[in-house]
Amino acid sequence: MINRNTIFSVLIAATVSVIIYRLIPPSVEPNFTLTLSKSRNNIVKINQPRTISESREMVIDRIELNERSRFQHPKLGPLGWSENFFADIESRFKVTESGRYRFLTGSDDGFRLAIDGNVLCQFPGDRPYRKQACYQTLEVGEHLLELNYFQGYGNAGLTLEVTKSDVKSPQFWGEKIEGIEYIQP
């Protein structure tokens, strides 16, 4: 028979476990660095001159920053400001299977996606969240992906999904993608 002291001890242990779980901040696998920069001015174009008042860096695991029409990570939560900021991501990666790759960038406002300094696709201005596909043939070896984004005002979001052209289901950049290996920052 279970006595009151045993039940009380179990309840205390469960409560302490919940408190410890809530106090430990969430973390993710560090696949690449995200730099956020707050603009002193309103942003209307991805390539406008930047006047930055504050910047911060963080490591994230994947480019899935579109939770509830806000610039937030599904596990880490809100990552920056609500308006007038830039987000810049550089990700070194290695192609292990050469071929044609599809890059599906979703943004609510503007973005520019480049590999090895060559712009693949972009949307320079303000818009509601939409996805835009672009393709690039990649050879075996190391490459640099650069993704720049701006948030003006209102809803926000940024995603990047990638797949080989002959594979139907894209994965978020940072997740396992056939033919690609990430080089840790």
Foldseek 3Di string as FASTA:
>chain_A
DDDPVNVVVVVVVVVVVVVVVVPDADDDDFQWKKKKFAAPDFDFWLPDDGDTDDMDMDGDQFAWQQPPLARADPRNGHDDDQARMKIKIKWKKFFQDWAKKKKKKWWQFKKWKDKQPHTFDIDTGGDRIDIDIGMDTDDGGMMMIMMMDHGRHDGIGIWIWMAGPVDDDTDTPNDDYPRMDTDGD
